[in-house]
Amino acid sequence: MVNSIRRELKEKQLGFVWILIVGLVAGLIARAVVPGNDAMGFAATVLLGLVGSLVGGVLAVLFTSETFDSYSPAGLIGAIIGAIVALLVYRQMRKA
């Protein structure tokens, strides 16, 4: 019983690390694809990617048969698209 709890905890921790890595990659790609100068640090880039992942995940659930607990390589593409949208919205809000 204790071993299964430890294994489940390690899997959740690893899942959290993967979420951060995917967020960082999505944020970096979004900043590279969208032209312009964005004065963002490391944490803001990760946050941008995480917001993008959330936006991409919600859109995937709404328009496909995917669920939030499933993962597919298309999830990274959705996260990148979501991060691009989030970056464009952030720029528009910053101008106002």
Protein backbone atom coordinates (compact mmCIF):
# COMPACT_ATOMS: atom_id res chain seq x y z
CA MET A 1 0.00 0.00 0.00
CA VAL A 2 2.78 2.43 0.93
CA ASN A 3 4.70 1.60 -2.25
CA SER A 4 1.66 2.29 -4.42
CA ILE A 5 1.17 5.66 -2.71
CA ARG A 6 4.83 6.54 -3.26
CA ARG A 7 4.63 5.49 -6.90
CA GLU A 8 1.48 7.56 -7.42
CA LEU A 9 3.12 10.59 -5.79
CA LYS A 10 6.21 10.24 -8.00
CA GLU A 11 4.01 9.98 -11.10
CA LYS A 12 2.16 13.17 -10.13
CA GLN A 13 5.45 14.97 -9.49
CA LEU A 14 6.81 13.82 -12.84
CA GLY A 15 3.58 14.93 -14.51
CA PHE A 16 3.96 18.39 -12.98
CA VAL A 17 7.55 18.60 -14.26
CA TRP A 18 6.39 17.62 -17.75
CA ILE A 19 3.69 20.30 -17.63
CA LEU A 20 6.35 22.90 -16.83
CA ILE A 21 8.62 21.63 -19.61
CA VAL A 22 5.81 21.67 -22.18
CA GLY A 23 4.86 25.17 -20.98
CA LEU A 24 8.43 26.39 -21.39
CA VAL A 25 8.76 24.89 -24.87
CA ALA A 26 5.39 26.27 -25.98
CA GLY A 27 6.22 29.72 -24.59
CA LEU A 28 9.64 29.78 -26.26
CA ILE A 29 8.23 28.70 -29.62
CA ALA A 30 5.39 31.23 -29.40
CA ARG A 31 7.87 34.03 -28.65
CA ALA A 32 10.07 32.90 -31.55
CA VAL A 33 7.19 32.66 -34.05
CA VAL A 34 5.47 35.96 -33.22
CA PRO A 35 7.70 38.84 -34.32
CA GLY A 36 8.45 41.70 -31.96
CA ASN A 37 10.34 42.44 -28.80
CA ASP A 38 8.85 40.97 -25.64
CA ALA A 39 10.68 41.82 -22.45
CA MET A 40 9.78 38.60 -20.62
CA GLY A 41 11.88 36.64 -18.23
CA PHE A 42 12.06 32.90 -17.74
CA ALA A 43 9.05 32.73 -15.39
CA ALA A 44 6.88 34.84 -17.70
CA THR A 45 7.78 32.61 -20.66
CA VAL A 46 6.81 29.50 -18.70
CA LEU A 47 3.59 31.20 -17.59
CA LEU A 48 2.84 32.14 -21.20
CA GLY A 49 3.30 28.51 -22.23
CA LEU A 50 1.13 27.25 -19.36
CA VAL A 51 -1.65 29.66 -20.31
CA GLY A 52 -1.22 28.50 -23.89
CA SER A 53 -1.51 24.88 -22.78
CA LEU A 54 -4.70 25.69 -20.92
CA VAL A 55 -6.16 27.55 -23.90
CA GLY A 56 -5.12 24.78 -26.31
CA GLY A 57 -6.46 22.10 -23.97
CA VAL A 58 -9.83 23.78 -23.58
CA LEU A 59 -10.14 24.21 -27.34
CA ALA A 60 -9.19 20.56 -27.88
CA VAL A 61 -11.83 19.37 -25.42
CA LEU A 62 -14.47 21.62 -26.98
CA PHE A 63 -13.85 20.69 -30.61
CA THR A 64 -12.61 17.08 -30.43
CA SER A 65 -13.31 13.92 -28.47
CA GLU A 66 -10.20 14.47 -26.31
CA THR A 67 -10.40 14.73 -22.54
CA PHE A 68 -8.28 16.75 -20.14
CA ASP A 69 -6.56 13.66 -18.76
CA SER A 70 -5.43 12.35 -22.13
CA TYR A 71 -2.16 13.33 -23.78
CA SER A 72 -1.27 13.30 -27.42
CA PRO A 73 1.51 14.89 -29.46
CA ALA A 74 -1.11 17.24 -30.86
CA GLY A 75 -1.33 18.64 -27.34
CA LEU A 76 2.02 20.35 -27.80
CA ILE A 77 0.80 21.89 -31.05
CA GLY A 78 -2.34 23.08 -29.29
CA ALA A 79 -0.22 24.50 -26.48
CA ILE A 80 1.92 26.41 -28.98
CA ILE A 81 -1.15 27.80 -30.77
CA GLY A 82 -2.69 28.71 -27.43
CA ALA A 83 0.55 30.41 -26.35
CA ILE A 84 0.62 32.42 -29.58
CA VAL A 85 -2.95 33.55 -28.95
CA ALA A 86 -2.11 34.38 -25.32
CA LEU A 87 0.96 36.36 -26.41
CA LEU A 88 -1.06 38.38 -28.91
CA VAL A 89 -3.73 39.10 -26.28
CA TYR A 90 -1.02 40.09 -23.79
CA ARG A 91 0.46 42.53 -26.30
CA GLN A 92 -2.92 44.10 -26.99
CA MET A 93 -3.63 44.47 -23.28
CA ARG A 94 -0.21 46.01 -22.71
CA LYS A 95 -0.83 48.64 -25.42
CA ALA A 96 -4.10 49.76 -23.84
